[in-house]
Amino acid sequence: MANTNQPRKGEFFQLQPDATRGGKGHGVIFENEQELLTPPRLILQPKTGGFPPLRETPRLVYHPREGVLPQDLEGGMSGYWLVSDRLRQVMEAVDPEAFVFAETDYRLADGSPGPTYFLCDVIRTVDALDEEASTLDLVVSDDYEEGKYYGLTGEVRLAFKRDVLGSAHVFRLPFHGGVFCDRVFKDAVEDAGIVNAKNSNGLWFYDVVNR
């Protein structure tokens, strides 16, 4: 029987904060991060993902000297994404079981309340990569906790097992640290006006078939 999980350009993407815009990045500081940590963790995000019990609301303050105002998706928030309310609405509409959110107290430089932002984590992990049909750097080593790692540099052509993914539109893989999504989620973000031809608003969709 022929393998039906052949990689197709424009079907699946790696989703990450847009690092191509240059400059300092966003200027949001996580002011009470230390108070929320669970030692010996150095970041708020637990090793298993999701959110630990929060003793208080994450307090985020924009400092102009540190960078620009946050876009709809930003990274580097103690293991989490920082997402706008309009992006959260798309996430929950398209694939609510993929994400968890924590409300934040986001303030502008003068102390006044800023737009609504959430910390976000992708909590669904699916072993859905068809390794035989994919082209990637598959590293097998005891140096990795899971015993192997998917390297996505150079020529990459990823094929996913559609029967394993089922109705999932956003997911992680057990042997890679990134987040992946399908065309349905990407189209929904674009239809909401968050990403357009002139502005990524912080979202970068990298096609997992790059050749």
Protein backbone atom coordinates (compact mmCIF):
# COMPACT_ATOMS: atom_id res chain seq x y z
CA MET A 1 0.00 0.00 0.00
CA ALA A 2 1.35 3.41 -0.97
CA ASN A 3 2.24 5.82 1.82
CA THR A 4 -0.43 8.54 1.88
CA ASN A 5 1.51 10.79 4.28
CA GLN A 6 3.67 12.41 1.63
CA PRO A 7 4.97 15.91 2.51
CA ARG A 8 3.09 18.68 0.74
CA LYS A 9 4.18 22.30 0.65
CA GLY A 10 1.70 24.73 2.18
CA GLU A 11 0.03 22.14 4.41
CA PHE A 12 1.91 22.20 7.73
CA PHE A 13 4.05 24.87 9.39
CA GLN A 14 6.29 25.44 12.36
CA LEU A 15 4.84 28.34 14.32
CA GLN A 16 7.16 30.62 16.25
CA PRO A 17 7.57 34.28 17.22
CA ASP A 18 8.83 36.33 14.29
CA ALA A 19 12.53 36.93 14.87
CA THR A 20 13.09 38.52 11.45
CA ARG A 21 11.90 42.02 12.35
CA GLY A 22 15.25 43.02 13.88
CA GLY A 23 15.84 45.54 16.65
CA LYS A 24 15.67 44.88 20.36
CA GLY A 25 12.39 43.01 20.27
CA HIS A 26 9.62 43.69 22.75
CA GLY A 27 10.22 45.71 25.91
CA VAL A 28 7.92 43.79 28.26
CA ILE A 29 9.46 42.86 31.61
CA PHE A 30 8.06 40.03 33.75
CA GLU A 31 8.31 41.90 37.04
CA ASN A 32 7.17 39.25 39.52
CA GLU A 33 8.71 36.23 37.80
CA GLN A 34 10.98 35.41 40.74
CA GLU A 35 8.06 35.41 43.17
CA LEU A 36 6.21 32.85 41.03
CA LEU A 37 9.04 30.39 40.41
CA THR A 38 9.01 26.89 41.87
CA PRO A 39 12.63 26.07 42.88
CA PRO A 40 14.79 24.61 41.50
CA ARG A 41 13.15 25.67 38.21
CA LEU A 42 14.72 28.79 36.72
CA ILE A 43 11.66 29.56 34.59
CA LEU A 44 7.99 29.52 35.47
CA GLN A 45 7.00 26.86 32.95
CA PRO A 46 7.12 23.36 34.50
CA LYS A 47 9.12 20.68 32.73
CA THR A 48 5.86 18.95 31.81
CA GLY A 49 4.38 22.16 30.35
CA GLY A 50 1.26 24.04 31.28
CA PHE A 51 1.11 26.33 34.31
CA PRO A 52 2.00 25.66 37.93
CA PRO A 53 -0.32 27.00 40.65
CA LEU A 54 0.11 30.77 40.48
CA ARG A 55 0.31 32.54 43.83
CA GLU A 56 -0.44 35.86 42.15
CA THR A 57 -1.23 37.22 38.71
CA PRO A 58 1.82 37.52 36.42
CA ARG A 59 2.74 41.22 36.37
CA LEU A 60 4.13 42.48 33.09
CA VAL A 61 5.30 46.04 32.50
CA TYR A 62 6.33 47.66 29.25
CA HIS A 63 9.66 49.52 29.44
CA PRO A 64 10.32 51.60 26.28
CA ARG A 65 14.09 51.51 26.82
CA GLU A 66 14.03 47.72 26.60
CA GLY A 67 12.28 47.52 23.23
CA VAL A 68 9.10 48.05 21.27
CA LEU A 69 5.50 47.41 22.25
CA PRO A 70 4.53 43.72 22.10
CA GLN A 71 2.92 42.32 18.99
CA ASP A 72 0.26 39.60 18.88
CA LEU A 73 2.81 36.87 19.59
CA GLU A 74 6.03 37.25 21.55
CA GLY A 75 8.39 34.71 23.09
CA GLY A 76 10.80 34.61 25.98
CA MET A 77 8.32 34.97 28.84
CA SER A 78 9.72 32.43 31.32
CA GLY A 79 9.04 29.57 28.91
CA TYR A 80 5.75 30.91 27.59
CA TRP A 81 4.42 32.88 24.67
CA LEU A 82 2.82 36.26 25.25
CA VAL A 83 -0.33 36.49 23.12
CA SER A 84 -2.84 39.25 22.46
CA ASP A 85 -6.50 38.81 23.23
CA ARG A 86 -7.44 38.67 19.54
CA LEU A 87 -4.92 35.90 18.92
CA ARG A 88 -6.16 34.00 21.99
CA GLN A 89 -9.68 34.16 20.56
CA VAL A 90 -8.51 32.56 17.31
CA MET A 91 -6.58 29.88 19.20
CA GLU A 92 -9.58 28.95 21.30
CA ALA A 93 -11.95 29.01 18.33
CA VAL A 94 -9.82 26.75 16.14
CA ASP A 95 -8.26 24.32 18.61
CA PRO A 96 -9.15 24.98 22.28
CA GLU A 97 -7.60 21.74 23.55
CA ALA A 98 -4.15 22.66 22.23
CA PHE A 99 -3.61 25.70 24.47
CA VAL A 100 -3.69 26.87 28.06
CA PHE A 101 -3.64 30.52 29.09
CA ALA A 102 -2.93 32.61 32.17
CA GLU A 103 -4.26 36.13 32.56
CA THR A 104 -1.68 38.83 33.16
CA ASP A 105 -1.63 42.27 34.73
CA TYR A 106 -0.05 44.10 31.81
CA ARG A 107 0.87 47.73 32.45
CA LEU A 108 2.27 50.48 30.28
CA ALA A 109 5.33 52.53 31.25
CA ASP A 110 3.23 55.10 33.12
CA GLY A 111 1.57 52.41 35.20
CA SER A 112 -1.77 52.51 33.39
CA PRO A 113 -3.39 49.24 32.25
CA GLY A 114 -2.32 48.13 28.79
CA PRO A 115 -4.16 45.98 26.24
CA THR A 116 -5.19 42.50 27.37
CA TYR A 117 -2.39 39.94 27.07
CA PHE A 118 -2.09 36.32 28.16
CA LEU A 119 0.74 33.92 28.82
CA CYS A 120 0.19 30.88 26.62
CA ASP A 121 1.51 27.35 26.32
CA VAL A 122 0.84 24.63 23.76
CA ILE A 123 0.09 21.51 25.79
CA ARG A 124 -0.79 18.95 23.12
CA THR A 125 2.03 16.59 22.11
CA VAL A 126 1.37 14.05 19.36
CA ASP A 127 3.81 11.45 18.02
CA ALA A 128 2.57 12.10 14.51
CA LEU A 129 5.66 12.49 12.33
CA ASP A 130 5.98 9.92 9.56
CA GLU A 131 9.73 9.49 9.77
CA GLU A 132 9.95 7.22 6.72
CA ALA A 133 8.19 9.73 4.48
CA SER A 134 10.06 12.75 5.89
CA THR A 135 13.41 14.31 5.08
CA LEU A 136 15.16 15.66 8.18
CA ASP A 137 18.19 15.24 10.40
CA LEU A 138 17.12 12.42 12.73
CA VAL A 139 19.62 12.29 15.60
CA VAL A 140 19.56 9.17 17.79
CA SER A 141 21.57 9.65 20.97
CA ASP A 142 21.40 9.04 24.70
CA ASP A 143 22.32 12.71 25.06
CA TYR A 144 18.64 13.45 24.49
CA GLU A 145 16.16 12.59 27.20
CA GLU A 146 13.78 10.97 24.71
CA GLY A 147 16.61 9.10 22.96
CA LYS A 148 16.39 10.98 19.69
CA TYR A 149 15.86 14.46 18.26
CA TYR A 150 14.39 15.91 15.08
CA GLY A 151 16.86 18.38 13.58
CA LEU A 152 15.13 20.83 11.24
CA THR A 153 18.06 22.55 9.58
CA GLY A 154 19.01 22.27 5.92
CA GLU A 155 16.61 20.52 3.58
CA VAL A 156 13.44 19.63 5.47
CA ARG A 157 10.35 17.84 4.21
CA LEU A 158 8.10 16.74 7.05
CA ALA A 159 5.20 14.36 6.57
CA PHE A 160 2.60 13.89 9.28
CA LYS A 161 0.33 10.92 9.97
CA ARG A 162 -3.07 12.42 9.37
CA ASP A 163 -4.89 9.55 11.07
CA VAL A 164 -2.85 10.17 14.24
CA LEU A 165 -3.41 13.93 14.19
CA GLY A 166 -7.14 13.54 13.74
CA SER A 167 -8.81 16.88 14.48
CA ALA A 168 -5.66 18.47 15.96
CA HIS A 169 -4.62 21.70 14.26
CA VAL A 170 -1.82 22.79 16.65
CA PHE A 171 0.60 20.42 18.37
CA ARG A 172 4.08 19.64 19.56
CA LEU A 173 6.20 16.60 18.67
CA PRO A 174 7.86 14.46 21.35
CA PHE A 175 11.30 14.70 19.73
CA HIS A 176 11.41 18.43 18.99
CA GLY A 177 10.84 21.51 21.12
CA GLY A 178 8.82 23.53 18.61
CA VAL A 179 5.15 24.08 17.85
CA PHE A 180 3.53 22.97 14.60
CA CYS A 181 0.22 23.81 12.99
CA ASP A 182 -1.77 23.06 9.88
CA ARG A 183 -3.22 25.25 7.15
CA VAL A 184 -6.54 25.55 8.98
CA PHE A 185 -4.95 27.41 11.89
CA LYS A 186 -2.78 29.58 9.64
CA ASP A 187 -5.78 30.56 7.51
CA ALA A 188 -7.81 31.41 10.63
CA VAL A 189 -5.08 33.76 11.86
CA GLU A 190 -4.94 35.45 8.47
CA ASP A 191 -8.72 35.69 8.21
CA ALA A 192 -8.74 37.46 11.60
CA GLY A 193 -6.44 40.12 10.14
CA ILE A 194 -3.57 39.27 12.48
CA VAL A 195 -1.15 38.29 9.71
CA ASN A 196 -1.16 39.96 6.32
CA ALA A 197 1.19 40.55 3.40
CA LYS A 198 2.76 43.60 5.05
CA ASN A 199 2.88 42.66 8.73
CA SER A 200 3.40 39.40 10.60
CA ASN A 201 2.34 40.97 13.92
CA GLY A 202 4.78 38.63 15.59
CA LEU A 203 3.76 35.29 14.04
CA TRP A 204 6.11 33.38 11.79
CA PHE A 205 4.78 30.37 9.87
CA TYR A 206 7.70 28.34 8.51
CA ASP A 207 6.67 25.77 5.94
CA VAL A 208 7.92 22.33 7.01
CA VAL A 209 8.48 21.47 3.36
CA ASN A 210 11.19 23.89 2.33
CA ARG A 211 12.29 22.26 -0.93
